[in-house]
Amino acid sequence: MTDHHSAKDRLIARARLDYRPELVAIDAEAIERLPARADRFTHMSVGLSGHRAGRTAAGAAAYSIALNSLNFMFWTPTPQGMSRYDWRGEGGTNGLKAAFAHAWGEEATPAGLRRRLGSGEPEAVSELFGDIPLPKRRAHFLREVLAENRLEQAAAELMASAAAGSLGAGDAQRLAQRFPVSFGQDPYLMRAQLAVMWFASYLGEQGRAVDCDVCVAANYQMPRVMRSIKALRFSAELAAKIDSHVLLLRGSEEEGAIRAATVLGMQMMARHLGVSEPAMVNVLWQNRGACGAMPHHLTITTDY
């Protein structure tokens, strides 16, 4: 099995290569001024324990993998900026979680989702998840994840790692290798790491805490929150583009700079405050509403 630390080291090395302080700089002094509030740093509760899939660790692992194969881009470009995905009054990731729980159904296994998805055409995805962006890509990802018994095999690998006492970036790397279309195209393995982190959180809720060594930060909301608390400083030109809802190309130097600074800055914040990176991600995610109207950057991507 791939060692978690070496896999994570490769992700950090990629971030160092992409880091462009002239575009997005980490403000170490601002990070040093952050107050330590250990009571606020907990692992993310993702609700798997309350879902039928959470009755078994195998079901929860499969659920987390399949859900995170779809966990990207909840907005559509418009002349005014963007419109956000909504499912029955829940928006963004929360909308996806609610829609996915409905699509999974009452089974503890992926059988119901496979049955409802049918042949996996985009129309089936739209029927299950509503007016969700990029339905063709999401259908393609689900077909790969649900093919044969690959999802069950991937879930078994996560459980084996958990039984050994540790989950992490190595598990995310294996997900990317098993599902190269769904998870393997992102150099930061953001969604694959999130699948691992959410499963670790589920185990913690079950009283089976395991070490979780990941760096899941390279998305939309984390740099937005870190900009708002001055941990990241954006160049005037890049900030103006973000504030004006200008699209940044996937793989561009600007997008890479944002993601790299977020990963490295999050690691620095976690070390300064003496918490795990999953806990650091959780507290910033839970407080993203405090950013007010500050926009996030817009990139058409399936990475996050």
C-alpha atoms as a PDB file:
ATOM      1  CA  MET A   1       0.000   0.000   0.000  1.00  0.00           C
ATOM      2  CA  THR A   2       1.117   3.540  -0.675  1.00  0.00           C
ATOM      3  CA  ASP A   3       2.435   5.202   2.451  1.00  0.00           C
ATOM      4  CA  HIS A   4       0.199   8.088   3.558  1.00  0.00           C
ATOM      5  CA  HIS A   5       3.104  10.369   4.375  1.00  0.00           C
ATOM      6  CA  SER A   6       4.889   9.890   1.054  1.00  0.00           C
ATOM      7  CA  ALA A   7       1.630  10.391  -0.858  1.00  0.00           C
ATOM      8  CA  LYS A   8       0.925  13.562   1.097  1.00  0.00           C
ATOM      9  CA  ASP A   9       4.517  14.726   0.590  1.00  0.00           C
ATOM     10  CA  ARG A  10       3.970  14.483  -3.169  1.00  0.00           C
ATOM     11  CA  LEU A  11       0.859  16.670  -2.913  1.00  0.00           C
ATOM     12  CA  ILE A  12       2.737  19.245  -0.839  1.00  0.00           C
ATOM     13  CA  ALA A  13       5.621  19.153  -3.332  1.00  0.00           C
ATOM     14  CA  ARG A  14       3.146  19.896  -6.117  1.00  0.00           C
ATOM     15  CA  ALA A  15       1.831  22.858  -4.134  1.00  0.00           C
ATOM     16  CA  ARG A  16       5.345  24.220  -3.679  1.00  0.00           C
ATOM     17  CA  LEU A  17       5.902  24.020  -7.428  1.00  0.00           C
ATOM     18  CA  ASP A  18       2.635  25.855  -8.120  1.00  0.00           C
ATOM     19  CA  TYR A  19       3.117  28.498  -5.411  1.00  0.00           C
ATOM     20  CA  ARG A  20       3.287  31.999  -6.909  1.00  0.00           C
ATOM     21  CA  PRO A  21       3.463  34.584  -4.097  1.00  0.00           C
ATOM     22  CA  GLU A  22       3.266  37.396  -6.625  1.00  0.00           C
ATOM     23  CA  LEU A  23      -0.285  36.147  -7.332  1.00  0.00           C
ATOM     24  CA  VAL A  24      -1.347  34.635  -3.995  1.00  0.00           C
ATOM     25  CA  ALA A  25       0.947  34.896  -0.983  1.00  0.00           C
ATOM     26  CA  ILE A  26       0.690  33.243   2.415  1.00  0.00           C
ATOM     27  CA  ASP A  27       0.820  35.844   5.199  1.00  0.00           C
ATOM     28  CA  ALA A  28       2.755  34.075   7.941  1.00  0.00           C
ATOM     29  CA  GLU A  29       2.382  37.020  10.322  1.00  0.00           C
ATOM     30  CA  ALA A  30      -1.405  36.974   9.986  1.00  0.00           C
ATOM     31  CA  ILE A  31      -1.403  33.236  10.675  1.00  0.00           C
ATOM     32  CA  GLU A  32       0.758  33.734  13.775  1.00  0.00           C
ATOM     33  CA  ARG A  33      -1.862  36.158  15.102  1.00  0.00           C
ATOM     34  CA  LEU A  34      -4.702  33.624  14.837  1.00  0.00           C
ATOM     35  CA  PRO A  35      -6.154  32.835  18.279  1.00  0.00           C
ATOM     36  CA  ALA A  36      -5.988  29.245  19.468  1.00  0.00           C
ATOM     37  CA  ARG A  37      -9.505  27.957  20.161  1.00  0.00           C
ATOM     38  CA  ALA A  38      -9.110  24.219  20.607  1.00  0.00           C
ATOM     39  CA  ASP A  39     -12.806  23.811  21.483  1.00  0.00           C
ATOM     40  CA  ARG A  40     -13.755  24.808  17.929  1.00  0.00           C
ATOM     41  CA  PHE A  41     -11.592  22.241  16.174  1.00  0.00           C
ATOM     42  CA  THR A  42     -13.432  19.007  15.621  1.00  0.00           C
ATOM     43  CA  HIS A  43     -13.740  16.528  12.807  1.00  0.00           C
ATOM     44  CA  MET A  44     -16.469  17.221  10.307  1.00  0.00           C
ATOM     45  CA  SER A  45     -19.817  15.549  10.952  1.00  0.00           C
ATOM     46  CA  VAL A  46     -21.138  14.596   7.520  1.00  0.00           C
ATOM     47  CA  GLY A  47     -24.323  12.809   8.565  1.00  0.00           C
ATOM     48  CA  LEU A  48     -23.317   9.320   7.425  1.00  0.00           C
ATOM     49  CA  SER A  49     -24.100   7.886  10.840  1.00  0.00           C
ATOM     50  CA  GLY A  50     -27.723   8.936  10.484  1.00  0.00           C
ATOM     51  CA  HIS A  51     -28.156   7.423   7.014  1.00  0.00           C
ATOM     52  CA  ARG A  52     -29.016   3.797   6.355  1.00  0.00           C
ATOM     53  CA  ALA A  53     -25.677   3.352   4.577  1.00  0.00           C
ATOM     54  CA  GLY A  54     -24.006   4.223   7.883  1.00  0.00           C
ATOM     55  CA  ARG A  55     -25.298   1.094   9.568  1.00  0.00           C
ATOM     56  CA  THR A  56     -22.114  -0.621   8.430  1.00  0.00           C
ATOM     57  CA  ALA A  57     -18.614   0.684   7.839  1.00  0.00           C
ATOM     58  CA  ALA A  58     -18.662  -0.882   4.368  1.00  0.00           C
ATOM     59  CA  GLY A  59     -21.825   1.016   3.475  1.00  0.00           C
ATOM     60  CA  ALA A  60     -20.464   4.288   4.854  1.00  0.00           C
ATOM     61  CA  ALA A  61     -17.181   3.939   2.952  1.00  0.00           C
ATOM     62  CA  ALA A  62     -18.965   3.173  -0.322  1.00  0.00           C
ATOM     63  CA  TYR A  63     -21.377   6.052   0.268  1.00  0.00           C
ATOM     64  CA  SER A  64     -18.548   8.543   0.910  1.00  0.00           C
ATOM     65  CA  ILE A  65     -16.671   7.482  -2.234  1.00  0.00           C
ATOM     66  CA  ALA A  66     -19.719   7.621  -4.502  1.00  0.00           C
ATOM     67  CA  LEU A  67     -20.946  10.913  -3.061  1.00  0.00           C
ATOM     68  CA  ASN A  68     -17.578  12.594  -3.481  1.00  0.00           C
ATOM     69  CA  SER A  69     -17.309  11.431  -7.075  1.00  0.00           C
ATOM     70  CA  LEU A  70     -20.044  14.051  -7.662  1.00  0.00           C
ATOM     71  CA  ASN A  71     -18.827  16.674  -5.193  1.00  0.00           C
ATOM     72  CA  PHE A  72     -17.749  19.488  -7.503  1.00  0.00           C
ATOM     73  CA  MET A  73     -18.900  22.731  -9.133  1.00  0.00           C
ATOM     74  CA  PHE A  74     -22.328  23.731  -7.829  1.00  0.00           C
ATOM     75  CA  TRP A  75     -22.725  26.845  -9.952  1.00  0.00           C
ATOM     76  CA  THR A  76     -23.400  27.748 -13.576  1.00  0.00           C
ATOM     77  CA  PRO A  77     -21.951  30.813 -15.342  1.00  0.00           C
ATOM     78  CA  THR A  78     -24.485  33.532 -16.173  1.00  0.00           C
ATOM     79  CA  PRO A  79     -24.134  37.034 -17.660  1.00  0.00           C
ATOM     80  CA  GLN A  80     -24.501  38.361 -14.095  1.00  0.00           C
ATOM     81  CA  GLY A  81     -21.893  36.016 -12.624  1.00  0.00           C
ATOM     82  CA  MET A  82     -23.372  32.665 -11.642  1.00  0.00           C
ATOM     83  CA  SER A  83     -26.438  30.769 -10.515  1.00  0.00           C
ATOM     84  CA  ARG A  84     -26.146  28.218  -7.716  1.00  0.00           C
ATOM     85  CA  TYR A  85     -27.347  24.627  -7.616  1.00  0.00           C
ATOM     86  CA  ASP A  86     -30.323  24.035  -5.354  1.00  0.00           C
ATOM     87  CA  TRP A  87     -32.118  20.825  -4.443  1.00  0.00           C
ATOM     88  CA  ARG A  88     -35.361  21.232  -2.521  1.00  0.00           C
ATOM     89  CA  GLY A  89     -34.158  24.339  -0.721  1.00  0.00           C
ATOM     90  CA  GLU A  90     -30.627  23.091   0.009  1.00  0.00           C
ATOM     91  CA  GLY A  91     -27.772  24.665  -1.933  1.00  0.00           C
ATOM     92  CA  GLY A  92     -24.278  23.659  -3.001  1.00  0.00           C
ATOM     93  CA  THR A  93     -22.657  20.724  -1.234  1.00  0.00           C
ATOM     94  CA  ASN A  94     -25.587  20.521   1.185  1.00  0.00           C
ATOM     95  CA  GLY A  95     -27.939  20.224  -1.784  1.00  0.00           C
ATOM     96  CA  LEU A  96     -25.842  17.406  -3.221  1.00  0.00           C
ATOM     97  CA  LYS A  97     -25.798  15.606   0.137  1.00  0.00           C
ATOM     98  CA  ALA A  98     -29.585  15.794   0.395  1.00  0.00           C
ATOM     99  CA  ALA A  99     -30.134  14.726  -3.215  1.00  0.00           C
ATOM    100  CA  PHE A 100     -27.605  11.896  -2.907  1.00  0.00           C
ATOM    101  CA  ALA A 101     -29.227  10.564   0.266  1.00  0.00           C
ATOM    102  CA  HIS A 102     -32.539  10.487  -1.610  1.00  0.00           C
ATOM    103  CA  ALA A 103     -30.951   8.818  -4.656  1.00  0.00           C
ATOM    104  CA  TRP A 104     -29.163   6.182  -2.536  1.00  0.00           C
ATOM    105  CA  GLY A 105     -32.450   5.232  -0.906  1.00  0.00           C
ATOM    106  CA  GLU A 106     -33.109   2.916   1.990  1.00  0.00           C
ATOM    107  CA  GLU A 107     -30.542   0.249   1.163  1.00  0.00           C
ATOM    108  CA  ALA A 108     -27.356  -0.134   3.190  1.00  0.00           C
ATOM    109  CA  THR A 109     -25.480  -0.990  -0.024  1.00  0.00           C
ATOM    110  CA  PRO A 110     -25.111   0.802  -3.393  1.00  0.00           C
ATOM    111  CA  ALA A 111     -27.717  -1.543  -4.954  1.00  0.00           C
ATOM    112  CA  GLY A 112     -30.508   1.034  -4.915  1.00  0.00           C
ATOM    113  CA  LEU A 113     -28.350   3.757  -6.454  1.00  0.00           C
ATOM    114  CA  ARG A 114     -27.257   1.380  -9.228  1.00  0.00           C
ATOM    115  CA  ARG A 115     -30.870   0.481  -9.898  1.00  0.00           C
ATOM    116  CA  ARG A 116     -32.040   4.093 -10.015  1.00  0.00           C
ATOM    117  CA  LEU A 117     -29.159   5.239 -12.189  1.00  0.00           C
ATOM    118  CA  GLY A 118     -29.918   2.541 -14.752  1.00  0.00           C
ATOM    119  CA  SER A 119     -27.648   2.814 -17.778  1.00  0.00           C
ATOM    120  CA  GLY A 120     -26.099   5.961 -16.302  1.00  0.00           C
ATOM    121  CA  GLU A 121     -27.219   8.467 -18.898  1.00  0.00           C
ATOM    122  CA  PRO A 122     -27.106  12.199 -18.075  1.00  0.00           C
ATOM    123  CA  GLU A 123     -30.911  12.251 -18.063  1.00  0.00           C
ATOM    124  CA  ALA A 124     -30.904   9.812 -15.153  1.00  0.00           C
ATOM    125  CA  VAL A 125     -28.497  12.052 -13.240  1.00  0.00           C
ATOM    126  CA  SER A 126     -30.719  15.073 -13.872  1.00  0.00           C
ATOM    127  CA  GLU A 127     -33.769  13.112 -12.753  1.00  0.00           C
ATOM    128  CA  LEU A 128     -32.053  12.098  -9.511  1.00  0.00           C
ATOM    129  CA  PHE A 129     -30.220  15.350  -8.742  1.00  0.00           C
ATOM    130  CA  GLY A 130     -32.265  18.038 -10.459  1.00  0.00           C
ATOM    131  CA  ASP A 131     -30.726  20.904 -12.398  1.00  0.00           C
ATOM    132  CA  ILE A 132     -27.158  20.101 -11.403  1.00  0.00           C
ATOM    133  CA  PRO A 133     -24.254  21.506 -13.471  1.00  0.00           C
ATOM    134  CA  LEU A 134     -22.232  19.235 -15.786  1.00  0.00           C
ATOM    135  CA  PRO A 135     -24.669  16.272 -15.715  1.00  0.00           C
ATOM    136  CA  LYS A 136     -22.767  14.452 -18.481  1.00  0.00           C
ATOM    137  CA  ARG A 137     -19.544  14.494 -16.486  1.00  0.00           C
ATOM    138  CA  ARG A 138     -21.309  13.425 -13.323  1.00  0.00           C
ATOM    139  CA  ALA A 139     -23.000  10.565 -15.175  1.00  0.00           C
ATOM    140  CA  HIS A 140     -19.619   9.469 -16.545  1.00  0.00           C
ATOM    141  CA  PHE A 141     -18.087   9.512 -13.078  1.00  0.00           C
ATOM    142  CA  LEU A 142     -20.948   7.546 -11.516  1.00  0.00           C
ATOM    143  CA  ARG A 143     -20.805   4.916 -14.268  1.00  0.00           C
ATOM    144  CA  GLU A 144     -17.134   4.351 -13.494  1.00  0.00           C
ATOM    145  CA  VAL A 145     -17.609   4.243  -9.729  1.00  0.00           C
ATOM    146  CA  LEU A 146     -20.635   1.925  -9.852  1.00  0.00           C
ATOM    147  CA  ALA A 147     -19.289  -0.444 -12.529  1.00  0.00           C
ATOM    148  CA  GLU A 148     -19.150  -4.112 -11.479  1.00  0.00           C
ATOM    149  CA  ASN A 149     -18.026  -4.295  -7.844  1.00  0.00           C
ATOM    150  CA  ARG A 150     -15.281  -1.650  -7.965  1.00  0.00           C
ATOM    151  CA  LEU A 151     -16.988   0.517  -5.361  1.00  0.00           C
ATOM    152  CA  GLU A 152     -17.225  -2.372  -2.909  1.00  0.00           C
ATOM    153  CA  GLN A 153     -13.552  -3.186  -3.479  1.00  0.00           C
ATOM    154  CA  ALA A 154     -12.559   0.433  -2.853  1.00  0.00           C
ATOM    155  CA  ALA A 155     -14.659   0.506   0.318  1.00  0.00           C
ATOM    156  CA  ALA A 156     -12.956  -2.675   1.530  1.00  0.00           C
ATOM    157  CA  GLU A 157      -9.554  -1.040   1.015  1.00  0.00           C
ATOM    158  CA  LEU A 158     -10.601   1.952   3.120  1.00  0.00           C
ATOM    159  CA  MET A 159     -11.810  -0.373   5.859  1.00  0.00           C
ATOM    160  CA  ALA A 160      -8.510  -2.265   5.776  1.00  0.00           C
ATOM    161  CA  SER A 161      -6.586   0.973   6.244  1.00  0.00           C
ATOM    162  CA  ALA A 162      -8.902   1.992   9.080  1.00  0.00           C
ATOM    163  CA  ALA A 163      -8.427  -1.400  10.748  1.00  0.00           C
ATOM    164  CA  ALA A 164      -4.680  -0.735  10.630  1.00  0.00           C
ATOM    165  CA  GLY A 165      -5.327   2.532  12.495  1.00  0.00           C
ATOM    166  CA  SER A 166      -4.685   5.111   9.788  1.00  0.00           C
ATOM    167  CA  LEU A 167      -6.399   6.689   6.800  1.00  0.00           C
ATOM    168  CA  GLY A 168      -4.822   9.293   4.575  1.00  0.00           C
ATOM    169  CA  ALA A 169      -3.451  10.533   1.289  1.00  0.00           C
ATOM    170  CA  GLY A 170      -2.260   7.055   0.359  1.00  0.00           C
ATOM    171  CA  ASP A 171      -5.878   5.900   0.350  1.00  0.00           C
ATOM    172  CA  ALA A 172      -6.810   8.872  -1.820  1.00  0.00           C
ATOM    173  CA  GLN A 173      -4.047   7.894  -4.246  1.00  0.00           C
ATOM    174  CA  ARG A 174      -5.458   4.374  -4.462  1.00  0.00           C
ATOM    175  CA  LEU A 175      -8.932   5.781  -5.175  1.00  0.00           C
ATOM    176  CA  ALA A 176      -7.426   7.832  -8.007  1.00  0.00           C
ATOM    177  CA  GLN A 177      -5.745   4.720  -9.408  1.00  0.00           C
ATOM    178  CA  ARG A 178      -8.904   2.627  -9.170  1.00  0.00           C
ATOM    179  CA  PHE A 179     -11.130   5.407 -10.579  1.00  0.00           C
ATOM    180  CA  PRO A 180      -8.849   7.406 -12.905  1.00  0.00           C
ATOM    181  CA  VAL A 181     -11.709   9.282 -14.592  1.00  0.00           C
ATOM    182  CA  SER A 182     -13.638  10.165 -11.440  1.00  0.00           C
ATOM    183  CA  PHE A 183     -10.757  10.943  -9.078  1.00  0.00           C
ATOM    184  CA  GLY A 184      -7.463  10.688 -10.930  1.00  0.00           C
ATOM    185  CA  GLN A 185      -7.488  13.865 -13.014  1.00  0.00           C
ATOM    186  CA  ASP A 186      -6.947  16.310 -10.143  1.00  0.00           C
ATOM    187  CA  PRO A 187      -3.263  16.794  -9.242  1.00  0.00           C
ATOM    188  CA  TYR A 188      -4.352  17.680  -5.686  1.00  0.00           C
ATOM    189  CA  LEU A 189      -6.740  14.714  -5.266  1.00  0.00           C
ATOM    190  CA  MET A 190      -9.138  17.038  -3.481  1.00  0.00           C
ATOM    191  CA  ARG A 191     -12.320  14.952  -3.757  1.00  0.00           C
ATOM    192  CA  ALA A 192     -10.520  11.645  -3.244  1.00  0.00           C
ATOM    193  CA  GLN A 193      -9.030  13.000  -0.018  1.00  0.00           C
ATOM    194  CA  LEU A 194     -12.425  14.330   1.003  1.00  0.00           C
ATOM    195  CA  ALA A 195     -13.932  10.847   0.569  1.00  0.00           C
ATOM    196  CA  VAL A 196     -11.259   9.490   2.914  1.00  0.00           C
ATOM    197  CA  MET A 197     -11.717  12.315   5.432  1.00  0.00           C
ATOM    198  CA  TRP A 198     -15.484  11.903   5.543  1.00  0.00           C
ATOM    199  CA  PHE A 199     -15.136   8.176   6.160  1.00  0.00           C
ATOM    200  CA  ALA A 200     -12.674   8.901   8.979  1.00  0.00           C
ATOM    201  CA  SER A 201     -15.208  11.348  10.442  1.00  0.00           C
ATOM    202  CA  TYR A 202     -17.895   8.665  10.290  1.00  0.00           C
ATOM    203  CA  LEU A 203     -15.654   6.250  12.165  1.00  0.00           C
ATOM    204  CA  GLY A 204     -15.003   8.918  14.804  1.00  0.00           C
ATOM    205  CA  GLU A 205     -18.741   9.362  15.267  1.00  0.00           C
ATOM    206  CA  GLN A 206     -18.945   5.591  15.798  1.00  0.00           C
ATOM    207  CA  GLY A 207     -16.321   5.788  18.533  1.00  0.00           C
ATOM    208  CA  ARG A 208     -13.632   4.272  16.298  1.00  0.00           C
ATOM    209  CA  ALA A 209     -11.273   7.218  15.918  1.00  0.00           C
ATOM    210  CA  VAL A 210      -8.426   6.700  13.458  1.00  0.00           C
ATOM    211  CA  ASP A 211      -5.561   8.953  12.435  1.00  0.00           C
ATOM    212  CA  CYS A 212      -6.374  10.842   9.239  1.00  0.00           C
ATOM    213  CA  ASP A 213      -3.454  12.411   7.380  1.00  0.00           C
ATOM    214  CA  VAL A 214      -4.778  14.392   4.407  1.00  0.00           C
ATOM    215  CA  CYS A 215      -4.569  17.934   3.029  1.00  0.00           C
ATOM    216  CA  VAL A 216      -8.025  18.609   1.570  1.00  0.00           C
ATOM    217  CA  ALA A 217      -7.997  22.347   0.996  1.00  0.00           C
ATOM    218  CA  ALA A 218      -7.647  23.047  -2.735  1.00  0.00           C
ATOM    219  CA  ASN A 219     -11.242  24.020  -3.502  1.00  0.00           C
ATOM    220  CA  TYR A 220     -13.367  27.182  -3.799  1.00  0.00           C
ATOM    221  CA  GLN A 221     -14.336  27.977  -0.223  1.00  0.00           C
ATOM    222  CA  MET A 222     -11.053  27.515   1.650  1.00  0.00           C
ATOM    223  CA  PRO A 223      -9.132  30.259  -0.224  1.00  0.00           C
ATOM    224  CA  ARG A 224     -12.144  32.536   0.112  1.00  0.00           C
ATOM    225  CA  VAL A 225     -12.195  32.074   3.887  1.00  0.00           C
ATOM    226  CA  MET A 226      -8.417  32.387   4.170  1.00  0.00           C
ATOM    227  CA  ARG A 227      -8.511  35.607   2.142  1.00  0.00           C
ATOM    228  CA  SER A 228     -11.161  37.010   4.464  1.00  0.00           C
ATOM    229  CA  ILE A 229      -9.018  36.425   7.574  1.00  0.00           C
ATOM    230  CA  LYS A 230      -5.904  37.794   5.783  1.00  0.00           C
ATOM    231  CA  ALA A 231      -4.062  34.463   5.828  1.00  0.00           C
ATOM    232  CA  LEU A 232      -3.806  34.741   2.047  1.00  0.00           C
ATOM    233  CA  ARG A 233      -2.994  37.955   0.159  1.00  0.00           C
ATOM    234  CA  PHE A 234      -4.107  38.144  -3.451  1.00  0.00           C
ATOM    235  CA  SER A 235      -2.531  40.435  -6.023  1.00  0.00           C
ATOM    236  CA  ALA A 236      -4.690  43.439  -6.884  1.00  0.00           C
ATOM    237  CA  GLU A 237      -5.251  42.161 -10.420  1.00  0.00           C
ATOM    238  CA  LEU A 238      -6.259  38.639  -9.376  1.00  0.00           C
ATOM    239  CA  ALA A 239      -8.477  39.941  -6.562  1.00  0.00           C
ATOM    240  CA  ALA A 240     -10.233  42.213  -9.060  1.00  0.00           C
ATOM    241  CA  LYS A 241     -10.884  39.259 -11.373  1.00  0.00           C
ATOM    242  CA  ILE A 242     -12.353  37.188  -8.557  1.00  0.00           C
ATOM    243  CA  ASP A 243     -14.497  40.058  -7.293  1.00  0.00           C
ATOM    244  CA  SER A 244     -15.779  40.673 -10.839  1.00  0.00           C
ATOM    245  CA  HIS A 245     -16.637  36.971 -11.390  1.00  0.00           C
ATOM    246  CA  VAL A 246     -14.110  36.581 -14.209  1.00  0.00           C
ATOM    247  CA  LEU A 247     -13.593  32.921 -15.112  1.00  0.00           C
ATOM    248  CA  LEU A 248     -10.118  31.526 -14.379  1.00  0.00           C
ATOM    249  CA  LEU A 249      -9.032  28.678 -16.634  1.00  0.00           C
ATOM    250  CA  ARG A 250      -8.506  25.263 -15.097  1.00  0.00           C
ATOM    251  CA  GLY A 251      -4.780  24.578 -14.958  1.00  0.00           C
ATOM    252  CA  SER A 252      -3.878  28.231 -15.424  1.00  0.00           C
ATOM    253  CA  GLU A 253      -1.090  29.822 -13.391  1.00  0.00           C
ATOM    254  CA  GLU A 254      -3.694  31.847 -11.480  1.00  0.00           C
ATOM    255  CA  GLU A 255      -5.820  28.860 -10.537  1.00  0.00           C
ATOM    256  CA  GLY A 256      -2.735  26.854  -9.612  1.00  0.00           C
ATOM    257  CA  ALA A 257      -1.466  29.700  -7.446  1.00  0.00           C
ATOM    258  CA  ILE A 258      -4.750  29.857  -5.538  1.00  0.00           C
ATOM    259  CA  ARG A 259      -4.865  26.122  -4.907  1.00  0.00           C
ATOM    260  CA  ALA A 260      -1.179  25.886  -3.982  1.00  0.00           C
ATOM    261  CA  ALA A 261      -1.276  28.776  -1.503  1.00  0.00           C
ATOM    262  CA  THR A 262      -4.407  27.304   0.059  1.00  0.00           C
ATOM    263  CA  VAL A 263      -2.821  23.887   0.603  1.00  0.00           C
ATOM    264  CA  LEU A 264       0.426  25.310   2.007  1.00  0.00           C
ATOM    265  CA  GLY A 265      -1.319  27.993   4.045  1.00  0.00           C
ATOM    266  CA  MET A 266      -3.754  25.499   5.548  1.00  0.00           C
ATOM    267  CA  GLN A 267      -0.847  23.292   6.597  1.00  0.00           C
ATOM    268  CA  MET A 268       0.858  26.293   8.212  1.00  0.00           C
ATOM    269  CA  MET A 269      -2.329  27.262  10.056  1.00  0.00           C
ATOM    270  CA  ALA A 270      -2.863  23.734  11.370  1.00  0.00           C
ATOM    271  CA  ARG A 271       0.708  23.516  12.643  1.00  0.00           C
ATOM    272  CA  HIS A 272       0.496  26.920  14.309  1.00  0.00           C
ATOM    273  CA  LEU A 273      -2.743  26.026  16.094  1.00  0.00           C
ATOM    274  CA  GLY A 274      -1.684  22.469  16.914  1.00  0.00           C
ATOM    275  CA  VAL A 275      -4.606  20.741  15.187  1.00  0.00           C
ATOM    276  CA  SER A 276      -4.994  18.273  12.359  1.00  0.00           C
ATOM    277  CA  GLU A 277      -5.560  19.500   8.839  1.00  0.00           C
ATOM    278  CA  PRO A 278      -9.013  17.833   8.660  1.00  0.00           C
ATOM    279  CA  ALA A 279      -9.987  19.726  11.828  1.00  0.00           C
ATOM    280  CA  MET A 280      -8.586  22.945  10.333  1.00  0.00           C
ATOM    281  CA  VAL A 281     -10.597  22.427   7.152  1.00  0.00           C
ATOM    282  CA  ASN A 282     -13.704  21.732   9.209  1.00  0.00           C
ATOM    283  CA  VAL A 283     -13.582  24.909  11.286  1.00  0.00           C
ATOM    284  CA  LEU A 284     -13.022  27.105   8.232  1.00  0.00           C
ATOM    285  CA  TRP A 285     -15.805  25.340   6.336  1.00  0.00           C
ATOM    286  CA  GLN A 286     -18.209  25.761   9.243  1.00  0.00           C
ATOM    287  CA  ASN A 287     -17.393  29.478   9.407  1.00  0.00           C
ATOM    288  CA  ARG A 288     -17.479  30.206   5.675  1.00  0.00           C
ATOM    289  CA  GLY A 289     -20.668  32.233   6.171  1.00  0.00           C
ATOM    290  CA  ALA A 290     -18.660  34.835   8.104  1.00  0.00           C
ATOM    291  CA  CYS A 291     -17.054  35.918   4.814  1.00  0.00           C
ATOM    292  CA  GLY A 292     -20.264  37.668   3.869  1.00  0.00           C
ATOM    293  CA  ALA A 293     -20.521  38.634   0.198  1.00  0.00           C
ATOM    294  CA  MET A 294     -16.848  38.003  -0.578  1.00  0.00           C
ATOM    295  CA  PRO A 295     -16.911  35.848  -3.744  1.00  0.00           C
ATOM    296  CA  HIS A 296     -14.916  32.727  -4.461  1.00  0.00           C
ATOM    297  CA  HIS A 297     -12.941  32.261  -7.653  1.00  0.00           C
ATOM    298  CA  LEU A 298     -14.751  30.725 -10.612  1.00  0.00           C
ATOM    299  CA  THR A 299     -13.163  27.885 -12.560  1.00  0.00           C
ATOM    300  CA  ILE A 300     -15.091  25.377 -14.662  1.00  0.00           C
ATOM    301  CA  THR A 301     -13.656  22.141 -13.308  1.00  0.00           C
ATOM    302  CA  THR A 302     -14.553  18.738 -11.917  1.00  0.00           C
ATOM    303  CA  ASP A 303     -11.682  18.901  -9.410  1.00  0.00           C
ATOM    304  CA  TYR A 304     -13.669  20.786  -6.738  1.00  0.00           C
END
